[in-house]
């Protein structure tokens, strides 16, 4: 799972959705997460750039991207994941959020 930015929140990511609905994200790993917010002493977590964590995707047949509609990571993530052999399988649009499933 790749959590993108949240609309109108400079430091927050869509990881807040996973925290709010843990059952829906059971078994998924946020590959970009460096330090969860609860461990940073701040409101936001720290994150790795996608380029630094692509090895975490080596055994993953599916990657989910959850990103804001305003700060949309789909073009960049689709390019980077495409370089790793992933293609968009399905996409959903919700209020302020896009969810994309990539398969290899």
PDB file of N, CA and C in Angstrom:
ATOM      1  N   UNK A   1       0.842  -1.164   0.000  1.00  0.00           N
ATOM      2  CA  UNK A   1       0.000   0.000   0.000  1.00  0.00           C
ATOM      3  C   UNK A   1       0.893   1.235   0.000  1.00  0.00           C
ATOM      4  N   UNK A   2       0.506   2.222  -0.783  1.00  0.00           N
ATOM      5  CA  UNK A   2       1.189   3.505  -0.827  1.00  0.00           C
ATOM      6  C   UNK A   2       0.169   4.571  -0.440  1.00  0.00           C
ATOM      7  N   UNK A   3       0.435   5.267   0.646  1.00  0.00           N
ATOM      8  CA  UNK A   3      -0.474   6.303   1.125  1.00  0.00           C
ATOM      9  C   UNK A   3       0.008   7.664   0.653  1.00  0.00           C
ATOM     10  N   UNK A   4      -0.805   8.317  -0.132  1.00  0.00           N
ATOM     11  CA  UNK A   4      -0.488   9.645  -0.641  1.00  0.00           C
ATOM     12  C   UNK A   4      -0.993  10.730   0.292  1.00  0.00           C
ATOM     13  N   UNK A   5      -0.928  11.966  -0.160  1.00  0.00           N
ATOM     14  CA  UNK A   5      -1.321  13.101   0.679  1.00  0.00           C
ATOM     15  C   UNK A   5      -2.836  13.184   0.880  1.00  0.00           C
ATOM     16  N   UNK A   6      -3.198  13.933   1.909  1.00  0.00           N
ATOM     17  CA  UNK A   6      -4.606  14.222   2.199  1.00  0.00           C
ATOM     18  C   UNK A   6      -4.867  15.670   1.816  1.00  0.00           C
ATOM     19  N   UNK A   7      -5.975  15.903   1.192  1.00  0.00           N
ATOM     20  CA  UNK A   7      -6.362  17.249   0.781  1.00  0.00           C
ATOM     21  C   UNK A   7      -6.458  18.176   1.984  1.00  0.00           C
ATOM     22  N   UNK A   8      -5.845  19.346   1.855  1.00  0.00           N
ATOM     23  CA  UNK A   8      -5.870  20.415   2.858  1.00  0.00           C
ATOM     24  C   UNK A   8      -5.141  20.101   4.158  1.00  0.00           C
ATOM     25  N   UNK A   9      -4.305  19.078   4.156  1.00  0.00           N
ATOM     26  CA  UNK A   9      -3.510  18.747   5.338  1.00  0.00           C
ATOM     27  C   UNK A   9      -2.064  18.567   4.892  1.00  0.00           C
ATOM     28  N   UNK A  10      -1.243  19.531   5.197  1.00  0.00           N
ATOM     29  CA  UNK A  10       0.141  19.531   4.699  1.00  0.00           C
ATOM     30  C   UNK A  10       0.949  18.318   5.136  1.00  0.00           C
ATOM     31  N   UNK A  11       0.791  17.851   6.366  1.00  0.00           N
ATOM     32  CA  UNK A  11       1.629  16.766   6.870  1.00  0.00           C
ATOM     33  C   UNK A  11       0.938  15.406   6.873  1.00  0.00           C
ATOM     34  N   UNK A  12      -0.373  15.365   6.767  1.00  0.00           N
ATOM     35  CA  UNK A  12      -1.110  14.098   6.867  1.00  0.00           C
ATOM     36  C   UNK A  12      -1.110  13.351   5.539  1.00  0.00           C
ATOM     37  N   UNK A  13      -1.242  12.037   5.648  1.00  0.00           N
ATOM     38  CA  UNK A  13      -1.386  11.200   4.458  1.00  0.00           C
ATOM     39  C   UNK A  13      -2.683  10.411   4.565  1.00  0.00           C
ATOM     40  N   UNK A  14      -2.984   9.712   3.498  1.00  0.00           N
ATOM     41  CA  UNK A  14      -4.199   8.899   3.505  1.00  0.00           C
ATOM     42  C   UNK A  14      -4.082   7.712   4.457  1.00  0.00           C
ATOM     43  N   UNK A  15      -2.950   7.587   5.111  1.00  0.00           N
ATOM     44  CA  UNK A  15      -2.803   6.567   6.152  1.00  0.00           C
ATOM     45  C   UNK A  15      -3.844   6.777   7.264  1.00  0.00           C
ATOM     46  N   UNK A  16      -4.327   8.001   7.421  1.00  0.00           N
ATOM     47  CA  UNK A  16      -5.364   8.255   8.431  1.00  0.00           C
ATOM     48  C   UNK A  16      -6.612   7.421   8.135  1.00  0.00           C
ATOM     49  N   UNK A  17      -6.849   7.106   6.873  1.00  0.00           N
ATOM     50  CA  UNK A  17      -7.988   6.251   6.516  1.00  0.00           C
ATOM     51  C   UNK A  17      -7.735   4.837   7.021  1.00  0.00           C
ATOM     52  N   UNK A  18      -6.522   4.346   6.839  1.00  0.00           N
ATOM     53  CA  UNK A  18      -6.172   3.000   7.319  1.00  0.00           C
ATOM     54  C   UNK A  18      -6.252   2.910   8.838  1.00  0.00           C
ATOM     55  N   UNK A  19      -5.851   3.979   9.510  1.00  0.00           N
ATOM     56  CA  UNK A  19      -5.930   4.001  10.967  1.00  0.00           C
ATOM     57  C   UNK A  19      -7.392   4.042  11.419  1.00  0.00           C
ATOM     58  N   UNK A  20      -8.222   4.749  10.667  1.00  0.00           N
ATOM     59  CA  UNK A  20      -9.636   4.879  11.018  1.00  0.00           C
ATOM     60  C   UNK A  20     -10.445   3.616  10.736  1.00  0.00           C
ATOM     61  N   UNK A  21     -10.037   2.853   9.719  1.00  0.00           N
ATOM     62  CA  UNK A  21     -10.751   1.639   9.318  1.00  0.00           C
ATOM     63  C   UNK A  21      -9.774   0.470   9.236  1.00  0.00           C
ATOM     64  N   UNK A  22      -9.208   0.051  10.370  1.00  0.00           N
ATOM     65  CA  UNK A  22      -8.146  -0.961  10.333  1.00  0.00           C
ATOM     66  C   UNK A  22      -8.561  -2.294   9.706  1.00  0.00           C
ATOM     67  N   UNK A  23      -9.802  -2.700   9.865  1.00  0.00           N
ATOM     68  CA  UNK A  23     -10.238  -3.977   9.298  1.00  0.00           C
ATOM     69  C   UNK A  23     -10.125  -3.975   7.769  1.00  0.00           C
ATOM     70  N   UNK A  24     -10.407  -2.844   7.147  1.00  0.00           N
ATOM     71  CA  UNK A  24     -10.358  -2.744   5.689  1.00  0.00           C
ATOM     72  C   UNK A  24      -8.920  -2.826   5.167  1.00  0.00           C
ATOM     73  N   UNK A  25      -7.936  -2.575   6.015  1.00  0.00           N
ATOM     74  CA  UNK A  25      -6.536  -2.554   5.604  1.00  0.00           C
ATOM     75  C   UNK A  25      -5.735  -3.687   6.241  1.00  0.00           C
ATOM     76  N   UNK A  26      -6.435  -4.630   6.844  1.00  0.00           N
ATOM     77  CA  UNK A  26      -5.785  -5.751   7.508  1.00  0.00           C
ATOM     78  C   UNK A  26      -4.872  -6.495   6.533  1.00  0.00           C
ATOM     79  N   UNK A  27      -3.648  -6.694   6.929  1.00  0.00           N
ATOM     80  CA  UNK A  27      -2.690  -7.416   6.101  1.00  0.00           C
ATOM     81  C   UNK A  27      -1.913  -6.563   5.119  1.00  0.00           C
ATOM     82  N   UNK A  28      -2.268  -5.292   4.985  1.00  0.00           N
ATOM     83  CA  UNK A  28      -1.550  -4.404   4.070  1.00  0.00           C
ATOM     84  C   UNK A  28      -0.433  -3.673   4.810  1.00  0.00           C
ATOM     85  N   UNK A  29       0.641  -3.404   4.117  1.00  0.00           N
ATOM     86  CA  UNK A  29       1.790  -2.706   4.690  1.00  0.00           C
ATOM     87  C   UNK A  29       1.990  -1.407   3.921  1.00  0.00           C
ATOM     88  N   UNK A  30       2.142  -0.318   4.630  1.00  0.00           N
ATOM     89  CA  UNK A  30       2.445   0.974   4.017  1.00  0.00           C
ATOM     90  C   UNK A  30       3.940   0.979   3.726  1.00  0.00           C
ATOM     91  N   UNK A  31       4.318   0.724   2.479  1.00  0.00           N
ATOM     92  CA  UNK A  31       5.724   0.535   2.133  1.00  0.00           C
ATOM     93  C   UNK A  31       6.561   1.803   2.289  1.00  0.00           C
ATOM     94  N   UNK A  32       5.945   2.957   2.258  1.00  0.00           N
ATOM     95  CA  UNK A  32       6.697   4.218   2.379  1.00  0.00           C
ATOM     96  C   UNK A  32       6.843   4.690   3.820  1.00  0.00           C
ATOM     97  N   UNK A  33       6.162   4.076   4.752  1.00  0.00           N
ATOM     98  CA  UNK A  33       6.183   4.530   6.143  1.00  0.00           C
ATOM     99  C   UNK A  33       7.550   4.293   6.774  1.00  0.00           C
ATOM    100  N   UNK A  34       8.132   5.347   7.289  1.00  0.00           N
ATOM    101  CA  UNK A  34       9.403   5.250   8.023  1.00  0.00           C
ATOM    102  C   UNK A  34       9.109   5.177   9.512  1.00  0.00           C
ATOM    103  N   UNK A  35       8.422   6.200  10.045  1.00  0.00           N
ATOM    104  CA  UNK A  35       8.094   6.257  11.467  1.00  0.00           C
ATOM    105  C   UNK A  35       6.635   6.669  11.622  1.00  0.00           C
ATOM    106  N   UNK A  36       5.808   5.844  12.284  1.00  0.00           N
ATOM    107  CA  UNK A  36       4.412   6.231  12.503  1.00  0.00           C
ATOM    108  C   UNK A  36       4.315   7.520  13.322  1.00  0.00           C
ATOM    109  N   UNK A  37       3.249   8.251  13.115  1.00  0.00           N
ATOM    110  CA  UNK A  37       3.053   9.535  13.805  1.00  0.00           C
ATOM    111  C   UNK A  37       3.139   9.385  15.320  1.00  0.00           C
ATOM    112  N   UNK A  38       2.611   8.305  15.848  1.00  0.00           N
ATOM    113  CA  UNK A  38       2.625   8.107  17.306  1.00  0.00           C
ATOM    114  C   UNK A  38       4.037   8.020  17.865  1.00  0.00           C
ATOM    115  N   UNK A  39       5.006   7.713  17.008  1.00  0.00           N
ATOM    116  CA  UNK A  39       6.392   7.585  17.462  1.00  0.00           C
ATOM    117  C   UNK A  39       7.254   8.803  17.123  1.00  0.00           C
ATOM    118  N   UNK A  40       6.703   9.772  16.407  1.00  0.00           N
ATOM    119  CA  UNK A  40       7.505  10.929  15.998  1.00  0.00           C
ATOM    120  C   UNK A  40       7.447  12.084  16.989  1.00  0.00           C
ATOM    121  N   UNK A  41       6.429  12.107  17.844  1.00  0.00           N
ATOM    122  CA  UNK A  41       6.247  13.242  18.735  1.00  0.00           C
ATOM    123  C   UNK A  41       5.595  14.421  18.035  1.00  0.00           C
ATOM    124  N   UNK A  42       5.108  14.181  16.811  1.00  0.00           N
ATOM    125  CA  UNK A  42       4.415  15.204  16.018  1.00  0.00           C
ATOM    126  C   UNK A  42       3.104  14.614  15.508  1.00  0.00           C
ATOM    127  N   UNK A  43       2.354  15.413  14.794  1.00  0.00           N
ATOM    128  CA  UNK A  43       1.091  14.917  14.250  1.00  0.00           C
ATOM    129  C   UNK A  43       1.275  14.017  13.034  1.00  0.00           C
ATOM    130  N   UNK A  44       2.367  14.175  12.298  1.00  0.00           N
ATOM    131  CA  UNK A  44       2.554  13.404  11.083  1.00  0.00           C
ATOM    132  C   UNK A  44       3.661  12.377  11.188  1.00  0.00           C
ATOM    133  N   UNK A  45       3.552  11.346  10.348  1.00  0.00           N
ATOM    134  CA  UNK A  45       4.592  10.328  10.293  1.00  0.00           C
ATOM    135  C   UNK A  45       5.733  10.790   9.393  1.00  0.00           C
ATOM    136  N   UNK A  46       6.823  10.055   9.402  1.00  0.00           N
ATOM    137  CA  UNK A  46       7.892  10.311   8.447  1.00  0.00           C
ATOM    138  C   UNK A  46       7.844   9.200   7.406  1.00  0.00           C
ATOM    139  N   UNK A  47       8.263   9.551   6.168  1.00  0.00           N
ATOM    140  CA  UNK A  47       8.086   8.631   5.049  1.00  0.00           C
ATOM    141  C   UNK A  47       9.347   8.559   4.204  1.00  0.00           C
ATOM    142  N   UNK A  48       9.527   7.419   3.562  1.00  0.00           N
ATOM    143  CA  UNK A  48      10.598   7.241   2.589  1.00  0.00           C
ATOM    144  C   UNK A  48      10.085   7.631   1.210  1.00  0.00           C
ATOM    145  N   UNK A  49      10.948   8.104   0.338  1.00  0.00           N
ATOM    146  CA  UNK A  49      10.556   8.270  -1.065  1.00  0.00           C
ATOM    147  C   UNK A  49      10.315   6.873  -1.673  1.00  0.00           C
ATOM    148  N   UNK A  50       9.404   6.776  -2.590  1.00  0.00           N
ATOM    149  CA  UNK A  50       9.074   5.486  -3.198  1.00  0.00           C
ATOM    150  C   UNK A  50      10.309   4.822  -3.804  1.00  0.00           C
ATOM    151  N   UNK A  51      11.202   5.608  -4.398  1.00  0.00           N
ATOM    152  CA  UNK A  51      12.399   5.051  -5.028  1.00  0.00           C
ATOM    153  C   UNK A  51      13.266   4.275  -4.038  1.00  0.00           C
ATOM    154  N   UNK A  52      13.207   4.633  -2.764  1.00  0.00           N
ATOM    155  CA  UNK A  52      14.049   3.983  -1.756  1.00  0.00           C
ATOM    156  C   UNK A  52      13.454   2.693  -1.215  1.00  0.00           C
ATOM    157  N   UNK A  53      12.186   2.424  -1.503  1.00  0.00           N
ATOM    158  CA  UNK A  53      11.543   1.259  -0.891  1.00  0.00           C
ATOM    159  C   UNK A  53      10.966   0.280  -1.913  1.00  0.00           C
ATOM    160  N   UNK A  54      11.363   0.406  -3.159  1.00  0.00           N
ATOM    161  CA  UNK A  54      10.797  -0.498  -4.170  1.00  0.00           C
ATOM    162  C   UNK A  54      11.116  -1.960  -3.876  1.00  0.00           C
ATOM    163  N   UNK A  55      12.194  -2.239  -3.153  1.00  0.00           N
ATOM    164  CA  UNK A  55      12.510  -3.631  -2.807  1.00  0.00           C
ATOM    165  C   UNK A  55      11.448  -4.234  -1.894  1.00  0.00           C
ATOM    166  N   UNK A  56      10.709  -3.402  -1.178  1.00  0.00           N
ATOM    167  CA  UNK A  56       9.622  -3.907  -0.328  1.00  0.00           C
ATOM    168  C   UNK A  56       8.469  -4.475  -1.165  1.00  0.00           C
ATOM    169  N   UNK A  57       8.489  -4.182  -2.452  1.00  0.00           N
ATOM    170  CA  UNK A  57       7.427  -4.654  -3.343  1.00  0.00           C
ATOM    171  C   UNK A  57       7.816  -5.930  -4.100  1.00  0.00           C
ATOM    172  N   UNK A  58       9.021  -6.454  -3.854  1.00  0.00           N
ATOM    173  CA  UNK A  58       9.530  -7.580  -4.627  1.00  0.00           C
ATOM    174  C   UNK A  58       8.566  -8.763  -4.702  1.00  0.00           C
ATOM    175  N   UNK A  59       7.936  -9.123  -3.600  1.00  0.00           N
ATOM    176  CA  UNK A  59       7.046 -10.288  -3.564  1.00  0.00           C
ATOM    177  C   UNK A  59       5.571  -9.910  -3.614  1.00  0.00           C
ATOM    178  N   UNK A  60       5.275  -8.655  -3.890  1.00  0.00           N
ATOM    179  CA  UNK A  60       3.883  -8.189  -3.867  1.00  0.00           C
ATOM    180  C   UNK A  60       3.262  -8.261  -5.262  1.00  0.00           C
ATOM    181  N   UNK A  61       2.243  -9.102  -5.453  1.00  0.00           N
ATOM    182  CA  UNK A  61       1.570  -9.145  -6.744  1.00  0.00           C
ATOM    183  C   UNK A  61       0.617  -7.963  -6.943  1.00  0.00           C
ATOM    184  N   UNK A  62       0.217  -7.326  -5.840  1.00  0.00           N
ATOM    185  CA  UNK A  62      -0.741  -6.214  -5.878  1.00  0.00           C
ATOM    186  C   UNK A  62      -0.210  -5.062  -5.035  1.00  0.00           C
ATOM    187  N   UNK A  63      -0.375  -3.844  -5.535  1.00  0.00           N
ATOM    188  CA  UNK A  63      -0.052  -2.631  -4.779  1.00  0.00           C
ATOM    189  C   UNK A  63      -1.259  -1.713  -4.857  1.00  0.00           C
ATOM    190  N   UNK A  64      -1.623  -1.154  -3.728  1.00  0.00           N
ATOM    191  CA  UNK A  64      -2.727  -0.195  -3.653  1.00  0.00           C
ATOM    192  C   UNK A  64      -2.149   1.198  -3.467  1.00  0.00           C
ATOM    193  N   UNK A  65      -2.674   2.166  -4.196  1.00  0.00           N
ATOM    194  CA  UNK A  65      -2.332   3.575  -4.010  1.00  0.00           C
ATOM    195  C   UNK A  65      -3.587   4.290  -3.549  1.00  0.00           C
ATOM    196  N   UNK A  66      -3.470   5.027  -2.457  1.00  0.00           N
ATOM    197  CA  UNK A  66      -4.572   5.833  -1.942  1.00  0.00           C
ATOM    198  C   UNK A  66      -4.058   7.264  -1.920  1.00  0.00           C
ATOM    199  N   UNK A  67      -4.670   8.129  -2.712  1.00  0.00           N
ATOM    200  CA  UNK A  67      -4.132   9.474  -2.885  1.00  0.00           C
ATOM    201  C   UNK A  67      -5.237  10.514  -2.995  1.00  0.00           C
ATOM    202  N   UNK A  68      -4.918  11.708  -2.606  1.00  0.00           N
ATOM    203  CA  UNK A  68      -5.844  12.831  -2.696  1.00  0.00           C
ATOM    204  C   UNK A  68      -6.179  13.143  -4.151  1.00  0.00           C
ATOM    205  N   UNK A  69      -7.360  13.680  -4.370  1.00  0.00           N
ATOM    206  CA  UNK A  69      -7.729  14.120  -5.718  1.00  0.00           C
ATOM    207  C   UNK A  69      -7.041  15.430  -6.082  1.00  0.00           C
ATOM    208  N   UNK A  70      -6.629  16.212  -5.104  1.00  0.00           N
ATOM    209  CA  UNK A  70      -5.977  17.497  -5.376  1.00  0.00           C
ATOM    210  C   UNK A  70      -4.459  17.364  -5.477  1.00  0.00           C
ATOM    211  N   UNK A  71      -3.852  16.618  -4.585  1.00  0.00           N
ATOM    212  CA  UNK A  71      -2.413  16.354  -4.644  1.00  0.00           C
ATOM    213  C   UNK A  71      -2.259  14.918  -5.138  1.00  0.00           C
ATOM    214  N   UNK A  72      -2.576  14.716  -6.379  1.00  0.00           N
ATOM    215  CA  UNK A  72      -2.747  13.398  -6.970  1.00  0.00           C
ATOM    216  C   UNK A  72      -1.411  12.747  -7.324  1.00  0.00           C
ATOM    217  N   UNK A  73      -1.104  11.645  -6.694  1.00  0.00           N
ATOM    218  CA  UNK A  73       0.136  10.924  -6.944  1.00  0.00           C
ATOM    219  C   UNK A  73       0.014   9.896  -8.065  1.00  0.00           C
ATOM    220  N   UNK A  74      -1.168   9.756  -8.669  1.00  0.00           N
ATOM    221  CA  UNK A  74      -1.349   8.692  -9.669  1.00  0.00           C
ATOM    222  C   UNK A  74      -0.335   8.743 -10.810  1.00  0.00           C
ATOM    223  N   UNK A  75      -0.066   9.886 -11.448  1.00  0.00           N
ATOM    224  CA  UNK A  75       0.872   9.861 -12.575  1.00  0.00           C
ATOM    225  C   UNK A  75       2.271   9.379 -12.191  1.00  0.00           C
ATOM    226  N   UNK A  76       2.836   9.927 -11.141  1.00  0.00           N
ATOM    227  CA  UNK A  76       4.186   9.538 -10.731  1.00  0.00           C
ATOM    228  C   UNK A  76       4.260   8.103 -10.240  1.00  0.00           C
ATOM    229  N   UNK A  77       3.283   7.702  -9.426  1.00  0.00           N
ATOM    230  CA  UNK A  77       3.276   6.332  -8.905  1.00  0.00           C
ATOM    231  C   UNK A  77       3.054   5.329 -10.029  1.00  0.00           C
ATOM    232  N   UNK A  78       2.169   5.654 -10.963  1.00  0.00           N
ATOM    233  CA  UNK A  78       1.909   4.748 -12.075  1.00  0.00           C
ATOM    234  C   UNK A  78       3.169   4.546 -12.916  1.00  0.00           C
ATOM    235  N   UNK A  79       3.930   5.611 -13.126  1.00  0.00           N
ATOM    236  CA  UNK A  79       5.187   5.500 -13.867  1.00  0.00           C
ATOM    237  C   UNK A  79       6.195   4.621 -13.128  1.00  0.00           C
ATOM    238  N   UNK A  80       6.391   4.909 -11.838  1.00  0.00           N
ATOM    239  CA  UNK A  80       7.372   4.155 -11.057  1.00  0.00           C
ATOM    240  C   UNK A  80       6.970   2.693 -10.915  1.00  0.00           C
ATOM    241  N   UNK A  81       5.687   2.458 -10.656  1.00  0.00           N
ATOM    242  CA  UNK A  81       5.230   1.078 -10.532  1.00  0.00           C
ATOM    243  C   UNK A  81       5.250   0.367 -11.879  1.00  0.00           C
ATOM    244  N   UNK A  82       4.979   1.100 -12.947  1.00  0.00           N
ATOM    245  CA  UNK A  82       5.064   0.527 -14.289  1.00  0.00           C
ATOM    246  C   UNK A  82       6.469   0.041 -14.598  1.00  0.00           C
ATOM    247  N   UNK A  83       7.469   0.780 -14.140  1.00  0.00           N
ATOM    248  CA  UNK A  83       8.860   0.368 -14.324  1.00  0.00           C
ATOM    249  C   UNK A  83       9.161  -0.942 -13.600  1.00  0.00           C
ATOM    250  N   UNK A  84       8.352  -1.261 -12.589  1.00  0.00           N
ATOM    251  CA  UNK A  84       8.520  -2.500 -11.821  1.00  0.00           C
ATOM    252  C   UNK A  84       7.607  -3.618 -12.326  1.00  0.00           C
ATOM    253  N   UNK A  85       6.879  -3.351 -13.400  1.00  0.00           N
ATOM    254  CA  UNK A  85       6.013  -4.372 -13.981  1.00  0.00           C
ATOM    255  C   UNK A  85       4.561  -4.336 -13.552  1.00  0.00           C
ATOM    256  N   UNK A  86       4.164  -3.303 -12.824  1.00  0.00           N
ATOM    257  CA  UNK A  86       2.773  -3.171 -12.379  1.00  0.00           C
ATOM    258  C   UNK A  86       1.962  -2.389 -13.408  1.00  0.00           C
ATOM    259  N   UNK A  87       0.703  -2.739 -13.520  1.00  0.00           N
ATOM    260  CA  UNK A  87      -0.238  -2.027 -14.374  1.00  0.00           C
ATOM    261  C   UNK A  87      -1.505  -1.749 -13.580  1.00  0.00           C
ATOM    262  N   UNK A  88      -2.186  -0.653 -13.905  1.00  0.00           N
ATOM    263  CA  UNK A  88      -3.448  -0.337 -13.236  1.00  0.00           C
ATOM    264  C   UNK A  88      -4.445  -1.442 -13.538  1.00  0.00           C
ATOM    265  N   UNK A  89      -4.998  -2.008 -12.483  1.00  0.00           N
ATOM    266  CA  UNK A  89      -5.983  -3.080 -12.597  1.00  0.00           C
ATOM    267  C   UNK A  89      -7.398  -2.546 -12.396  1.00  0.00           C
ATOM    268  N   UNK A  90      -7.564  -1.684 -11.402  1.00  0.00           N
ATOM    269  CA  UNK A  90      -8.866  -1.086 -11.087  1.00  0.00           C
ATOM    270  C   UNK A  90      -8.634   0.270 -10.437  1.00  0.00           C
ATOM    271  N   UNK A  91      -9.643   1.125 -10.534  1.00  0.00           N
ATOM    272  CA  UNK A  91      -9.545   2.444  -9.912  1.00  0.00           C
ATOM    273  C   UNK A  91     -10.926   2.874  -9.426  1.00  0.00           C
ATOM    274  N   UNK A  92     -10.932   3.529  -8.281  1.00  0.00           N
ATOM    275  CA  UNK A  92     -12.158   4.039  -7.692  1.00  0.00           C
ATOM    276  C   UNK A  92     -11.941   5.486  -7.289  1.00  0.00           C
ATOM    277  N   UNK A  93     -12.973   6.291  -7.423  1.00  0.00           N
ATOM    278  CA  UNK A  93     -12.927   7.699  -7.007  1.00  0.00           C
ATOM    279  C   UNK A  93     -13.966   7.902  -5.911  1.00  0.00           C
ATOM    280  N   UNK A  94     -13.522   8.450  -4.818  1.00  0.00           N
ATOM    281  CA  UNK A  94     -14.396   8.784  -3.701  1.00  0.00           C
ATOM    282  C   UNK A  94     -14.279  10.283  -3.449  1.00  0.00           C
ATOM    283  N   UNK A  95     -15.014  10.799  -2.524  1.00  0.00           N
ATOM    284  CA  UNK A  95     -14.957  12.223  -2.219  1.00  0.00           C
ATOM    285  C   UNK A  95     -13.550  12.587  -1.731  1.00  0.00           C
ATOM    286  N   UNK A  96     -12.797  13.272  -2.566  1.00  0.00           N
ATOM    287  CA  UNK A  96     -11.471  13.735  -2.198  1.00  0.00           C
ATOM    288  C   UNK A  96     -10.358  12.703  -2.263  1.00  0.00           C
ATOM    289  N   UNK A  97     -10.668  11.452  -2.606  1.00  0.00           N
ATOM    290  CA  UNK A  97      -9.664  10.383  -2.574  1.00  0.00           C
ATOM    291  C   UNK A  97      -9.808   9.479  -3.798  1.00  0.00           C
ATOM    292  N   UNK A  98      -8.667   9.104  -4.366  1.00  0.00           N
ATOM    293  CA  UNK A  98      -8.622   8.087  -5.420  1.00  0.00           C
ATOM    294  C   UNK A  98      -7.964   6.841  -4.855  1.00  0.00           C
ATOM    295  N   UNK A  99      -8.480   5.687  -5.229  1.00  0.00           N
ATOM    296  CA  UNK A  99      -7.904   4.404  -4.831  1.00  0.00           C
ATOM    297  C   UNK A  99      -7.615   3.636  -6.112  1.00  0.00           C
ATOM    298  N   UNK A 100      -6.369   3.206  -6.268  1.00  0.00           N
ATOM    299  CA  UNK A 100      -5.958   2.504  -7.478  1.00  0.00           C
ATOM    300  C   UNK A 100      -5.306   1.185  -7.078  1.00  0.00           C
ATOM    301  N   UNK A 101      -5.706   0.119  -7.771  1.00  0.00           N
ATOM    302  CA  UNK A 101      -5.078  -1.178  -7.553  1.00  0.00           C
ATOM    303  C   UNK A 101      -4.199  -1.496  -8.757  1.00  0.00           C
ATOM    304  N   UNK A 102      -2.949  -1.804  -8.484  1.00  0.00           N
ATOM    305  CA  UNK A 102      -1.979  -2.190  -9.512  1.00  0.00           C
ATOM    306  C   UNK A 102      -1.690  -3.682  -9.343  1.00  0.00           C
ATOM    307  N   UNK A 103      -1.553  -4.379 -10.465  1.00  0.00           N
ATOM    308  CA  UNK A 103      -1.179  -5.805 -10.450  1.00  0.00           C
ATOM    309  C   UNK A 103       0.051  -6.023 -11.306  1.00  0.00           C
ATOM    310  N   UNK A 104       0.787  -7.033 -10.941  1.00  0.00           N
ATOM    311  CA  UNK A 104       1.962  -7.419 -11.704  1.00  0.00           C
ATOM    312  C   UNK A 104       1.691  -8.746 -12.381  1.00  0.00           C
TER     313      UNK A 104
END
